[in-house]
Amino acid sequence: MIETEAVAAKLGIELPVSIDQRMAGAEKVGAHKTSMLQDFEAGRPMELEAVVGAVVELGDRLGVPMPSTRAVYACARLLDDNRGRRAGMRT
């Protein structure tokens, strides 16, 4: 979230909800699964490019370091790619 906030700041965008507020809101929701995890578990395409890939791309273009976001993105892509390979092996 810090890296994404840095991208927004570089674009002159002030996010209306702080990271602490977002975390507190998520905590209030309690145990849940994100929509991307639900998609993954159901075998549906994940919105990885729109949700994470776009932010990584913006960070690259703006010169904002995004090591944590890039690591999460790479791991999620690997999971998605491996799921696709496993599905192909079953046919």
N, C-alpha and C. Protein backbone atom coordinates (compact mmCIF):
# COMPACT_ATOMS: atom_id res chain seq x y z
N MET A 1 0.82 -1.20 0.00
CA MET A 1 0.00 0.00 0.00
C MET A 1 0.86 1.26 0.00
N ILE A 2 1.99 1.20 0.67
CA ILE A 2 2.89 2.35 0.72
C ILE A 2 3.41 2.65 -0.67
N GLU A 3 3.78 1.60 -1.41
CA GLU A 3 4.30 1.80 -2.76
C GLU A 3 3.22 2.36 -3.69
N THR A 4 2.02 1.86 -3.57
CA THR A 4 0.92 2.36 -4.40
C THR A 4 0.60 3.80 -4.05
N GLU A 5 0.65 4.14 -2.78
CA GLU A 5 0.44 5.51 -2.36
C GLU A 5 1.52 6.43 -2.94
N ALA A 6 2.75 5.91 -3.04
CA ALA A 6 3.84 6.70 -3.64
C ALA A 6 3.60 6.96 -5.12
N VAL A 7 3.04 5.98 -5.82
CA VAL A 7 2.69 6.17 -7.23
C VAL A 7 1.61 7.24 -7.35
N ALA A 8 0.60 7.16 -6.52
CA ALA A 8 -0.47 8.16 -6.55
C ALA A 8 0.10 9.55 -6.29
N ALA A 9 0.95 9.67 -5.30
CA ALA A 9 1.55 10.97 -4.96
C ALA A 9 2.35 11.52 -6.14
N LYS A 10 3.08 10.66 -6.82
CA LYS A 10 3.88 11.08 -7.97
C LYS A 10 2.97 11.60 -9.09
N LEU A 11 1.74 11.10 -9.14
CA LEU A 11 0.76 11.55 -10.13
C LEU A 11 -0.04 12.77 -9.64
N GLY A 12 0.27 13.22 -8.42
CA GLY A 12 -0.43 14.37 -7.87
C GLY A 12 -1.79 14.02 -7.28
N ILE A 13 -1.96 12.75 -6.95
CA ILE A 13 -3.24 12.28 -6.41
C ILE A 13 -3.09 12.04 -4.91
N GLU A 14 -3.95 12.65 -4.12
CA GLU A 14 -3.97 12.40 -2.69
C GLU A 14 -5.10 11.42 -2.41
N LEU A 15 -4.76 10.27 -1.88
CA LEU A 15 -5.78 9.25 -1.61
C LEU A 15 -6.64 9.70 -0.43
N PRO A 16 -7.95 9.57 -0.57
CA PRO A 16 -8.86 10.08 0.47
C PRO A 16 -8.90 9.23 1.74
N VAL A 17 -8.41 7.99 1.66
CA VAL A 17 -8.42 7.10 2.81
C VAL A 17 -6.97 6.70 3.10
N SER A 18 -6.54 6.89 4.33
CA SER A 18 -5.16 6.56 4.69
C SER A 18 -4.97 5.04 4.75
N ILE A 19 -3.73 4.63 4.73
CA ILE A 19 -3.43 3.20 4.84
C ILE A 19 -3.94 2.66 6.18
N ASP A 20 -3.74 3.42 7.24
CA ASP A 20 -4.23 2.98 8.55
C ASP A 20 -5.74 2.79 8.54
N GLN A 21 -6.45 3.71 7.89
CA GLN A 21 -7.91 3.59 7.80
C GLN A 21 -8.31 2.36 6.98
N ARG A 22 -7.57 2.09 5.91
CA ARG A 22 -7.86 0.91 5.10
C ARG A 22 -7.64 -0.37 5.91
N MET A 23 -6.55 -0.41 6.66
CA MET A 23 -6.25 -1.59 7.47
C MET A 23 -7.31 -1.78 8.55
N ALA A 24 -7.72 -0.68 9.17
CA ALA A 24 -8.76 -0.77 10.21
C ALA A 24 -10.08 -1.25 9.60
N GLY A 25 -10.39 -0.78 8.42
CA GLY A 25 -11.62 -1.22 7.74
C GLY A 25 -11.57 -2.71 7.42
N ALA A 26 -10.43 -3.17 6.94
CA ALA A 26 -10.28 -4.59 6.63
C ALA A 26 -10.38 -5.44 7.89
N GLU A 27 -9.82 -4.93 8.98
CA GLU A 27 -9.88 -5.65 10.25
C GLU A 27 -11.33 -5.80 10.72
N LYS A 28 -12.12 -4.75 10.52
CA LYS A 28 -13.53 -4.79 10.94
C LYS A 28 -14.32 -5.84 10.16
N VAL A 29 -13.94 -6.06 8.91
CA VAL A 29 -14.63 -7.05 8.08
C VAL A 29 -14.42 -8.45 8.64
N GLY A 30 -13.26 -8.67 9.24
CA GLY A 30 -12.95 -9.98 9.80
C GLY A 30 -12.43 -10.93 8.73
N ALA A 31 -12.47 -12.20 9.05
CA ALA A 31 -11.95 -13.21 8.12
C ALA A 31 -12.76 -13.20 6.83
N HIS A 32 -12.06 -13.05 5.74
CA HIS A 32 -12.70 -13.06 4.43
C HIS A 32 -11.67 -13.38 3.36
N LYS A 33 -12.15 -13.64 2.17
CA LYS A 33 -11.26 -13.89 1.04
C LYS A 33 -11.45 -12.76 0.03
N THR A 34 -10.33 -12.27 -0.48
CA THR A 34 -10.42 -11.22 -1.49
C THR A 34 -11.05 -11.78 -2.76
N SER A 35 -11.55 -10.88 -3.59
CA SER A 35 -12.18 -11.33 -4.83
C SER A 35 -11.18 -12.04 -5.73
N MET A 36 -9.91 -11.60 -5.70
CA MET A 36 -8.90 -12.25 -6.54
C MET A 36 -8.65 -13.68 -6.05
N LEU A 37 -8.62 -13.90 -4.74
CA LEU A 37 -8.45 -15.25 -4.21
C LEU A 37 -9.66 -16.10 -4.55
N GLN A 38 -10.85 -15.54 -4.43
CA GLN A 38 -12.05 -16.28 -4.79
C GLN A 38 -12.01 -16.69 -6.26
N ASP A 39 -11.58 -15.78 -7.12
CA ASP A 39 -11.45 -16.10 -8.55
C ASP A 39 -10.45 -17.23 -8.76
N PHE A 40 -9.29 -17.13 -8.11
CA PHE A 40 -8.26 -18.16 -8.25
C PHE A 40 -8.78 -19.52 -7.82
N GLU A 41 -9.40 -19.57 -6.65
CA GLU A 41 -9.90 -20.84 -6.13
C GLU A 41 -11.01 -21.44 -7.00
N ALA A 42 -11.77 -20.58 -7.65
CA ALA A 42 -12.85 -21.06 -8.52
C ALA A 42 -12.37 -21.35 -9.94
N GLY A 43 -11.08 -21.13 -10.21
CA GLY A 43 -10.55 -21.39 -11.54
C GLY A 43 -10.88 -20.31 -12.55
N ARG A 44 -11.33 -19.17 -12.06
CA ARG A 44 -11.64 -18.04 -12.96
C ARG A 44 -10.39 -17.21 -13.16
N PRO A 45 -10.34 -16.45 -14.25
CA PRO A 45 -9.20 -15.55 -14.46
C PRO A 45 -9.14 -14.51 -13.34
N MET A 46 -7.94 -14.26 -12.85
CA MET A 46 -7.76 -13.23 -11.83
C MET A 46 -7.59 -11.88 -12.51
N GLU A 47 -8.00 -10.85 -11.85
CA GLU A 47 -7.85 -9.49 -12.38
C GLU A 47 -6.47 -8.94 -12.02
N LEU A 48 -5.48 -9.78 -12.15
CA LEU A 48 -4.13 -9.45 -11.73
C LEU A 48 -3.54 -8.26 -12.47
N GLU A 49 -3.70 -8.22 -13.77
CA GLU A 49 -3.12 -7.12 -14.55
C GLU A 49 -3.77 -5.78 -14.19
N ALA A 50 -5.08 -5.79 -14.04
CA ALA A 50 -5.79 -4.54 -13.72
C ALA A 50 -5.53 -4.08 -12.30
N VAL A 51 -5.41 -5.01 -11.37
CA VAL A 51 -5.28 -4.64 -9.96
C VAL A 51 -3.83 -4.38 -9.56
N VAL A 52 -2.91 -5.22 -10.04
CA VAL A 52 -1.52 -5.10 -9.60
C VAL A 52 -0.60 -4.70 -10.76
N GLY A 53 -0.77 -5.34 -11.89
CA GLY A 53 0.11 -5.07 -13.03
C GLY A 53 0.11 -3.61 -13.45
N ALA A 54 -1.04 -2.99 -13.45
CA ALA A 54 -1.14 -1.58 -13.85
C ALA A 54 -0.37 -0.68 -12.90
N VAL A 55 -0.41 -0.98 -11.62
CA VAL A 55 0.31 -0.16 -10.63
C VAL A 55 1.82 -0.35 -10.78
N VAL A 56 2.25 -1.58 -11.05
CA VAL A 56 3.67 -1.83 -11.27
C VAL A 56 4.14 -1.08 -12.52
N GLU A 57 3.33 -1.13 -13.56
CA GLU A 57 3.68 -0.41 -14.80
C GLU A 57 3.78 1.10 -14.56
N LEU A 58 2.82 1.65 -13.83
CA LEU A 58 2.89 3.08 -13.52
C LEU A 58 4.13 3.40 -12.69
N GLY A 59 4.43 2.56 -11.72
CA GLY A 59 5.63 2.77 -10.91
C GLY A 59 6.88 2.79 -11.77
N ASP A 60 6.97 1.87 -12.72
CA ASP A 60 8.11 1.82 -13.63
C ASP A 60 8.21 3.11 -14.44
N ARG A 61 7.11 3.54 -14.98
CA ARG A 61 7.11 4.74 -15.83
C ARG A 61 7.43 6.01 -15.05
N LEU A 62 7.06 6.02 -13.77
CA LEU A 62 7.27 7.20 -12.94
C LEU A 62 8.56 7.14 -12.12
N GLY A 63 9.27 6.04 -12.22
CA GLY A 63 10.51 5.91 -11.46
C GLY A 63 10.29 5.69 -9.97
N VAL A 64 9.16 5.09 -9.62
CA VAL A 64 8.85 4.80 -8.22
C VAL A 64 9.24 3.34 -7.94
N PRO A 65 10.19 3.11 -7.04
CA PRO A 65 10.57 1.73 -6.72
C PRO A 65 9.39 0.97 -6.12
N MET A 66 9.19 -0.26 -6.58
CA MET A 66 8.05 -1.05 -6.10
C MET A 66 8.48 -2.49 -5.81
N PRO A 67 9.50 -2.69 -4.99
CA PRO A 67 9.99 -4.06 -4.77
C PRO A 67 8.95 -4.99 -4.14
N SER A 68 8.19 -4.53 -3.19
CA SER A 68 7.20 -5.40 -2.54
C SER A 68 6.04 -5.72 -3.48
N THR A 69 5.54 -4.70 -4.15
CA THR A 69 4.43 -4.90 -5.08
C THR A 69 4.85 -5.81 -6.22
N ARG A 70 6.06 -5.59 -6.71
CA ARG A 70 6.59 -6.43 -7.80
C ARG A 70 6.72 -7.89 -7.35
N ALA A 71 7.14 -8.12 -6.11
CA ALA A 71 7.27 -9.49 -5.59
C ALA A 71 5.91 -10.17 -5.49
N VAL A 72 4.92 -9.45 -4.97
CA VAL A 72 3.56 -10.01 -4.87
C VAL A 72 3.02 -10.31 -6.27
N TYR A 73 3.24 -9.39 -7.19
CA TYR A 73 2.79 -9.55 -8.57
C TYR A 73 3.43 -10.79 -9.19
N ALA A 74 4.74 -10.94 -9.02
CA ALA A 74 5.45 -12.09 -9.59
C ALA A 74 4.94 -13.40 -9.00
N CYS A 75 4.71 -13.44 -7.70
CA CYS A 75 4.21 -14.66 -7.06
C CYS A 75 2.80 -15.01 -7.55
N ALA A 76 1.95 -14.02 -7.65
CA ALA A 76 0.58 -14.26 -8.12
C ALA A 76 0.57 -14.72 -9.57
N ARG A 77 1.43 -14.12 -10.39
CA ARG A 77 1.53 -14.56 -11.80
C ARG A 77 2.02 -15.99 -11.88
N LEU A 78 2.99 -16.35 -11.04
CA LEU A 78 3.50 -17.71 -11.02
C LEU A 78 2.39 -18.70 -10.65
N LEU A 79 1.63 -18.38 -9.63
CA LEU A 79 0.49 -19.23 -9.25
C LEU A 79 -0.49 -19.39 -10.40
N ASP A 80 -0.81 -18.28 -11.04
CA ASP A 80 -1.76 -18.30 -12.15
C ASP A 80 -1.22 -19.10 -13.33
N ASP A 81 0.06 -18.89 -13.65
CA ASP A 81 0.69 -19.62 -14.75
C ASP A 81 0.73 -21.13 -14.45
N ASN A 82 1.08 -21.49 -13.22
CA ASN A 82 1.14 -22.90 -12.86
C ASN A 82 -0.23 -23.55 -12.90
N ARG A 83 -1.25 -22.81 -12.52
CA ARG A 83 -2.61 -23.34 -12.60
C ARG A 83 -2.96 -23.64 -14.04
N GLY A 84 -2.58 -22.74 -14.94
CA GLY A 84 -2.84 -22.94 -16.36
C GLY A 84 -2.11 -24.15 -16.92
N ARG A 85 -0.88 -24.35 -16.48
CA ARG A 85 -0.11 -25.53 -16.93
C ARG A 85 -0.73 -26.82 -16.40
N ARG A 86 -1.14 -26.81 -15.13
CA ARG A 86 -1.76 -28.00 -14.55
C ARG A 86 -3.06 -28.33 -15.26
N ALA A 87 -3.84 -27.31 -15.59
CA ALA A 87 -5.11 -27.54 -16.29
C ALA A 87 -4.84 -28.13 -17.66
N GLY A 88 -3.80 -27.66 -18.33
CA GLY A 88 -3.45 -28.18 -19.65
C GLY A 88 -3.00 -29.63 -19.60
N MET A 89 -2.42 -30.04 -18.48
CA MET A 89 -1.95 -31.41 -18.33
C MET A 89 -3.12 -32.38 -18.18
N ARG A 90 -4.25 -31.90 -17.71
CA ARG A 90 -5.41 -32.76 -17.48
C ARG A 90 -6.16 -33.06 -18.75
N THR A 91 -5.95 -32.26 -19.77
CA THR A 91 -6.73 -32.48 -21.00
C THR A 91 -6.06 -33.45 -21.93
